[in-house]
Amino acid sequence: MNFSIRPCQDDDDYWRIRAFLRDVFLRNQRRELSWQVARLDYWRYFGNECLEHYALDQAVTLFETADGRIAGVLTPESRGQAYLHVDPDQRTPELETAMVATAEAQLAEPDEHGVRRLTVWANGGDALRARLLGDCGYEKGDWPEVQFGRSLATPIPAADVTPGYSIRSLGDGADIPARSWLSWRVFHPDEPDDHYIGYDWYFSIQRCPLYRRDLDLVAVSADGELAAFTTLWYDDVTRTGYFEPVGASPDHQRKGLARQIMYEGLRRLKALGGVHATVAGFSEGATALYTSVMGPSVSRLERWERTL
């Protein structure tokens, strides 16, 4: 197959990639063999703007057919990590080999010893990519991402909110400092508080094209403290919602709040016409929560690692 390789040059390219991911997601029967568009937006407007700081033309690469159609897209997945998004009808070892070579040249990062390393993600059932990566010297790493998908055609259990709490949409700007601080406590439990960088990052979250305040949910205690949260990203083209993130305050855990807030998100998603929902996690606690709400996991994303 003949294809050309070029960087993502502007927002027109970015919106073409969004359309490409939607099409691929549907043709893959809503299996996340490539990102959903919500995940791309979350990376661009939060992960990249607030943490990674790539220029788009340095980080995102398009692989196009001779007639100008997108055959594949290469993106980072954090610094030193690469994700390959491929049109299932255009998929060949030659294309994926070229994508991996481009990732090695553009996305590998030096470790503390100055040695360049790269992680490439692959679905656990993807024999072609596993074989290709093994032939290129990659080895499977630890900490796979466990993925969950749920049809909204099945009944959503009623989940009464724990007494003393309520679930609502995130409020106006006055809620944002508390919401940001709660995220810090949930995802950085072992870091000193003086590492906290403030709440400006949350405005980047709200700039994502699919952001909806009615799907940005918080559980609130009787005294007004934010106790748990989830943001649900709804793509009405694929009619799919994507939970990212989900968490509960260490002071309010083991009360069922994270499960209850996810059920509320599913009910709101279905009321909007959604037919499917997804979520993914790494830790035992996250996968136990998601199993209780979504059912058994549907796939695993595995890390393949190489020292260059």
Protein backbone atom coordinates (compact mmCIF):
# COMPACT_ATOMS: atom_id res chain seq x y z
CA MET A 1 0.00 0.00 0.00
CA ASN A 2 1.29 3.43 -0.89
CA PHE A 3 0.79 6.09 1.75
CA SER A 4 2.22 9.47 2.65
CA ILE A 5 3.31 10.65 6.09
CA ARG A 6 2.86 14.18 7.34
CA PRO A 7 2.29 16.08 10.59
CA CYS A 8 -1.05 17.38 11.80
CA GLN A 9 -0.81 20.95 10.56
CA ASP A 10 -3.85 22.83 11.85
CA ASP A 11 -7.36 22.60 13.25
CA ASP A 12 -8.70 21.43 9.89
CA ASP A 13 -6.48 18.37 10.20
CA TYR A 14 -7.51 17.92 13.83
CA TRP A 15 -11.20 17.91 12.90
CA ARG A 16 -10.50 15.42 10.10
CA ILE A 17 -8.87 13.15 12.70
CA ARG A 18 -11.92 13.49 14.96
CA ALA A 19 -14.18 12.37 12.08
CA PHE A 20 -11.78 9.52 11.29
CA LEU A 21 -11.86 8.24 14.90
CA ARG A 22 -15.66 8.33 14.96
CA ASP A 23 -15.85 6.31 11.76
CA VAL A 24 -13.26 3.77 12.94
CA PHE A 25 -14.95 3.37 16.34
CA LEU A 26 -18.27 2.54 14.72
CA ARG A 27 -16.74 0.20 12.15
CA ASN A 28 -15.00 -1.60 15.00
CA GLN A 29 -18.44 -2.18 16.62
CA ARG A 30 -17.66 0.35 19.36
CA ARG A 31 -14.57 -1.56 20.45
CA GLU A 32 -11.77 0.79 21.44
CA LEU A 33 -9.14 -0.51 19.04
CA SER A 34 -8.51 3.18 18.41
CA TRP A 35 -9.44 6.11 20.63
CA GLN A 36 -12.90 7.56 20.80
CA VAL A 37 -13.02 11.21 19.80
CA ALA A 38 -13.62 12.17 23.46
CA ARG A 39 -10.30 10.63 24.41
CA LEU A 40 -8.49 12.57 21.70
CA ASP A 41 -10.05 15.82 22.90
CA TYR A 42 -9.19 15.01 26.52
CA TRP A 43 -5.57 14.43 25.52
CA ARG A 44 -5.36 17.65 23.50
CA TYR A 45 -7.12 20.11 25.78
CA PHE A 46 -6.05 18.68 29.14
CA GLY A 47 -3.23 16.16 28.84
CA ASN A 48 -1.25 18.10 26.28
CA GLU A 49 -2.06 21.69 27.20
CA CYS A 50 -1.58 21.17 30.94
CA LEU A 51 1.00 18.38 31.18
CA GLU A 52 2.84 17.34 28.02
CA HIS A 53 3.13 20.60 26.06
CA TYR A 54 3.70 19.20 22.58
CA ALA A 55 3.12 21.25 19.48
CA LEU A 56 0.53 19.34 17.48
CA ASP A 57 2.78 19.13 14.43
CA GLN A 58 5.48 17.51 16.60
CA ALA A 59 3.19 14.98 18.25
CA VAL A 60 0.40 13.95 15.87
CA THR A 61 1.14 12.34 12.50
CA LEU A 62 -1.23 11.42 9.67
CA PHE A 63 -0.70 8.48 7.31
CA GLU A 64 -2.75 9.06 4.16
CA THR A 65 -3.62 7.00 1.11
CA ALA A 66 -2.77 8.15 -2.40
CA ASP A 67 -6.25 9.65 -2.74
CA GLY A 68 -5.94 11.65 0.50
CA ARG A 69 -7.92 9.45 2.90
CA ILE A 70 -6.58 8.87 6.42
CA ALA A 71 -5.25 5.33 6.84
CA GLY A 72 -3.79 5.86 10.31
CA VAL A 73 -3.00 8.47 12.95
CA LEU A 74 -0.17 8.41 15.46
CA THR A 75 -0.61 10.24 18.78
CA PRO A 76 1.23 10.31 22.11
CA GLU A 77 -0.26 8.67 25.17
CA SER A 78 1.71 10.69 27.73
CA ARG A 79 5.40 11.46 27.16
CA GLY A 80 7.31 8.49 25.83
CA GLN A 81 4.17 6.57 24.87
CA ALA A 82 2.55 6.08 21.47
CA TYR A 83 -0.91 5.09 20.31
CA LEU A 84 -1.64 3.85 16.80
CA HIS A 85 -5.12 4.52 15.38
CA VAL A 86 -5.69 2.52 12.19
CA ASP A 87 -8.45 2.22 9.61
CA PRO A 88 -9.38 -1.49 9.78
CA ASP A 89 -9.71 -1.65 5.98
CA GLN A 90 -6.25 -0.14 5.42
CA ARG A 91 -4.41 -2.13 8.06
CA THR A 92 -1.20 -3.84 6.92
CA PRO A 93 2.11 -4.76 8.56
CA GLU A 94 3.79 -2.17 6.32
CA LEU A 95 1.57 0.64 7.61
CA GLU A 96 1.99 -0.29 11.26
CA THR A 97 5.75 -0.76 10.85
CA ALA A 98 5.95 2.77 9.44
CA MET A 99 3.86 4.10 12.32
CA VAL A 100 6.09 2.44 14.92
CA ALA A 101 9.23 3.77 13.21
CA THR A 102 7.74 7.27 13.21
CA ALA A 103 6.86 6.92 16.90
CA GLU A 104 10.42 5.89 17.71
CA ALA A 105 11.80 8.93 15.89
CA GLN A 106 9.31 11.47 17.28
CA LEU A 107 7.90 10.26 20.58
CA ALA A 108 10.61 8.27 22.39
CA GLU A 109 11.84 10.07 25.52
CA PRO A 110 15.08 9.80 27.52
CA ASP A 111 14.92 8.31 31.00
CA GLU A 112 16.89 9.60 34.01
CA HIS A 113 20.03 8.04 32.51
CA GLY A 114 19.54 9.65 29.12
CA VAL A 115 18.47 6.37 27.46
CA ARG A 116 15.63 6.79 24.98
CA ARG A 117 12.60 4.59 25.62
CA LEU A 118 9.22 4.12 23.99
CA THR A 119 6.00 2.41 25.00
CA VAL A 120 3.53 1.40 22.28
CA TRP A 121 0.01 0.37 23.27
CA ALA A 122 -1.67 -2.68 21.72
CA ASN A 123 -5.01 -4.37 22.30
CA GLY A 124 -4.58 -7.69 24.08
CA GLY A 125 -6.20 -9.59 21.22
CA ASP A 126 -4.16 -7.91 18.47
CA ALA A 127 -1.92 -10.70 17.18
CA LEU A 128 -0.63 -8.66 14.24
CA ARG A 129 0.65 -5.79 16.38
CA ALA A 130 2.01 -8.09 19.09
CA ARG A 131 4.01 -10.02 16.49
CA LEU A 132 5.24 -6.83 14.83
CA LEU A 133 6.31 -5.26 18.13
CA GLY A 134 8.03 -8.44 19.25
CA ASP A 135 9.97 -8.57 15.97
CA CYS A 136 11.02 -4.95 16.54
CA GLY A 137 12.47 -5.74 19.98
CA TYR A 138 9.58 -4.66 22.21
CA GLU A 139 8.64 -6.57 25.35
CA LYS A 140 5.27 -6.62 27.07
CA GLY A 141 5.19 -4.46 30.19
CA ASP A 142 3.08 -4.33 33.34
CA TRP A 143 -0.03 -2.29 34.20
CA PRO A 144 -2.43 -2.94 31.31
CA GLU A 145 -5.44 -0.68 30.88
CA VAL A 146 -8.60 -2.69 31.52
CA GLN A 147 -11.50 -1.53 29.30
CA PHE A 148 -15.22 -1.82 29.92
CA GLY A 149 -18.19 -1.28 27.62
CA ARG A 150 -21.89 -1.43 28.41
CA SER A 151 -24.97 -1.31 26.22
CA LEU A 152 -27.65 1.02 27.54
CA ALA A 153 -30.33 -1.31 26.21
CA THR A 154 -29.99 -3.29 29.44
CA PRO A 155 -31.75 -1.86 32.50
CA ILE A 156 -29.79 0.58 34.64
CA PRO A 157 -30.28 -0.35 38.30
CA ALA A 158 -31.89 2.17 40.56
CA ALA A 159 -29.22 3.44 42.94
CA ASP A 160 -30.55 5.37 45.88
CA VAL A 161 -28.01 7.91 47.03
CA THR A 162 -26.37 7.21 50.37
CA PRO A 163 -28.21 9.13 53.13
CA GLY A 164 -26.56 12.46 53.82
CA TYR A 165 -25.41 12.93 50.21
CA SER A 166 -26.86 14.21 46.95
CA ILE A 167 -25.72 14.03 43.32
CA ARG A 168 -25.88 17.06 41.04
CA SER A 169 -24.15 18.70 38.11
CA LEU A 170 -21.06 20.75 38.78
CA GLY A 171 -22.08 24.30 39.57
CA ASP A 172 -20.68 27.59 38.39
CA GLY A 173 -17.10 28.76 38.83
CA ALA A 174 -17.39 28.70 42.60
CA ASP A 175 -17.33 24.86 42.50
CA ILE A 176 -14.14 24.59 40.47
CA PRO A 177 -11.54 25.14 43.23
CA ALA A 178 -13.18 22.45 45.36
CA ARG A 179 -13.52 20.10 42.38
CA SER A 180 -9.86 20.56 41.50
CA TRP A 181 -8.72 20.01 45.08
CA LEU A 182 -10.79 16.81 45.24
CA SER A 183 -9.08 15.49 42.11
CA TRP A 184 -5.71 16.21 43.68
CA ARG A 185 -6.59 14.29 46.83
CA VAL A 186 -7.96 11.32 44.87
CA PHE A 187 -5.18 10.95 42.29
CA HIS A 188 -2.17 12.20 44.31
CA PRO A 189 -2.78 10.70 47.74
CA ASP A 190 0.91 10.27 48.57
CA GLU A 191 2.21 13.62 47.34
CA PRO A 192 2.69 16.59 49.66
CA ASP A 193 0.01 19.22 49.39
CA ASP A 194 2.51 21.90 48.43
CA HIS A 195 2.85 20.14 45.06
CA TYR A 196 -0.73 21.09 44.24
CA ILE A 197 -0.73 23.46 41.24
CA GLY A 198 -4.15 25.06 41.58
CA TYR A 199 -7.30 24.81 39.54
CA ASP A 200 -6.67 26.63 36.25
CA TRP A 201 -6.33 23.25 34.53
CA TYR A 202 -10.06 22.70 34.94
CA PHE A 203 -10.82 25.49 32.49
CA SER A 204 -8.97 23.39 29.88
CA ILE A 205 -11.31 20.50 30.68
CA GLN A 206 -14.30 22.75 30.08
CA ARG A 207 -12.91 23.84 26.71
CA CYS A 208 -13.13 20.30 25.30
CA PRO A 209 -15.65 20.25 22.42
CA LEU A 210 -17.79 17.53 24.02
CA TYR A 211 -17.84 19.01 27.52
CA ARG A 212 -21.33 19.34 29.02
CA ARG A 213 -21.91 20.65 32.51
CA ASP A 214 -25.01 18.45 32.90
CA LEU A 215 -22.72 15.42 32.51
CA ASP A 216 -20.03 16.76 34.88
CA LEU A 217 -21.33 15.25 38.10
CA VAL A 218 -20.44 15.55 41.77
CA ALA A 219 -21.70 13.89 44.93
CA VAL A 220 -22.08 16.40 47.75
CA SER A 221 -22.26 15.80 51.49
CA ALA A 222 -24.92 17.40 53.69
CA ASP A 223 -22.47 20.13 54.72
CA GLY A 224 -21.71 21.00 51.06
CA GLU A 225 -18.36 19.20 50.71
CA LEU A 226 -17.65 17.62 47.31
CA ALA A 227 -17.25 13.93 48.01
CA ALA A 228 -17.10 12.16 44.60
CA PHE A 229 -17.06 13.05 40.93
CA THR A 230 -17.24 11.83 37.37
CA THR A 231 -17.24 13.53 33.99
CA LEU A 232 -19.12 11.79 31.19
CA TRP A 233 -18.25 12.75 27.63
CA TYR A 234 -21.12 12.14 25.21
CA ASP A 235 -20.50 11.89 21.48
CA ASP A 236 -23.89 12.09 19.77
CA VAL A 237 -22.40 10.90 16.46
CA THR A 238 -21.45 7.51 17.88
CA ARG A 239 -24.11 7.77 20.64
CA THR A 240 -21.46 6.71 23.13
CA GLY A 241 -20.50 8.12 26.52
CA TYR A 242 -17.00 7.90 27.96
CA PHE A 243 -16.37 8.21 31.71
CA GLU A 244 -13.16 10.13 32.46
CA PRO A 245 -12.38 10.52 35.32
CA VAL A 246 -14.16 8.82 38.25
CA GLY A 247 -13.16 9.24 41.87
CA ALA A 248 -14.22 9.55 45.50
CA SER A 249 -12.58 11.50 48.30
CA PRO A 250 -10.54 9.43 50.76
CA ASP A 251 -12.78 10.90 53.46
CA HIS A 252 -15.95 9.59 51.80
CA GLN A 253 -14.97 6.22 50.39
CA ARG A 254 -16.72 2.87 50.96
CA LYS A 255 -20.12 4.54 50.84
CA GLY A 256 -21.06 3.56 47.29
CA LEU A 257 -20.79 7.14 45.99
CA ALA A 258 -18.62 6.39 42.94
CA ARG A 259 -20.97 3.61 41.83
CA GLN A 260 -24.04 5.77 42.43
CA ILE A 261 -22.63 8.71 40.48
CA MET A 262 -21.81 6.43 37.53
CA TYR A 263 -25.36 5.07 37.50
CA GLU A 264 -26.65 8.64 37.48
CA GLY A 265 -24.38 9.35 34.52
CA LEU A 266 -25.73 6.31 32.67
CA ARG A 267 -29.30 7.44 33.25
CA ARG A 268 -28.54 10.92 31.91
CA LEU A 269 -26.69 9.46 28.95
CA LYS A 270 -29.62 7.25 28.02
CA ALA A 271 -32.03 10.19 28.32
CA LEU A 272 -29.91 12.02 25.72
CA GLY A 273 -30.24 9.13 23.24
CA GLY A 274 -27.02 7.35 24.12
CA VAL A 275 -26.81 3.63 23.43
CA HIS A 276 -23.37 2.71 24.77
CA ALA A 277 -20.92 3.71 27.52
CA THR A 278 -17.25 2.97 28.14
CA VAL A 279 -14.68 3.42 30.89
CA ALA A 280 -11.15 2.14 31.54
CA GLY A 281 -8.86 1.81 34.52
CA PHE A 282 -5.63 0.35 35.85
CA SER A 283 -5.92 -0.24 39.59
CA GLU A 284 -7.68 -3.12 41.32
CA GLY A 285 -10.06 -0.69 42.99
CA ALA A 286 -11.00 0.95 39.70
CA THR A 287 -11.56 -2.33 37.90
CA ALA A 288 -13.70 -3.64 40.78
CA LEU A 289 -15.85 -0.49 40.66
CA TYR A 290 -16.21 -0.60 36.88
CA THR A 291 -17.07 -4.29 36.90
CA SER A 292 -19.86 -3.61 39.40
CA VAL A 293 -21.36 -0.91 37.16
CA MET A 294 -20.46 -1.99 33.62
CA GLY A 295 -20.14 -5.75 33.84
CA PRO A 296 -17.08 -7.82 32.90
CA SER A 297 -14.21 -6.13 31.08
CA VAL A 298 -14.29 -6.34 27.30
CA SER A 299 -10.59 -5.88 26.49
CA ARG A 300 -7.14 -4.95 27.77
CA LEU A 301 -4.67 -2.46 26.39
CA GLU A 302 -1.14 -3.72 26.90
CA ARG A 303 2.11 -1.79 27.11
CA TRP A 304 4.93 -2.88 24.82
CA GLU A 305 8.24 -1.30 25.79
CA ARG A 306 11.61 -0.89 24.10
CA THR A 307 14.92 0.76 24.89
CA LEU A 308 16.23 2.43 21.72
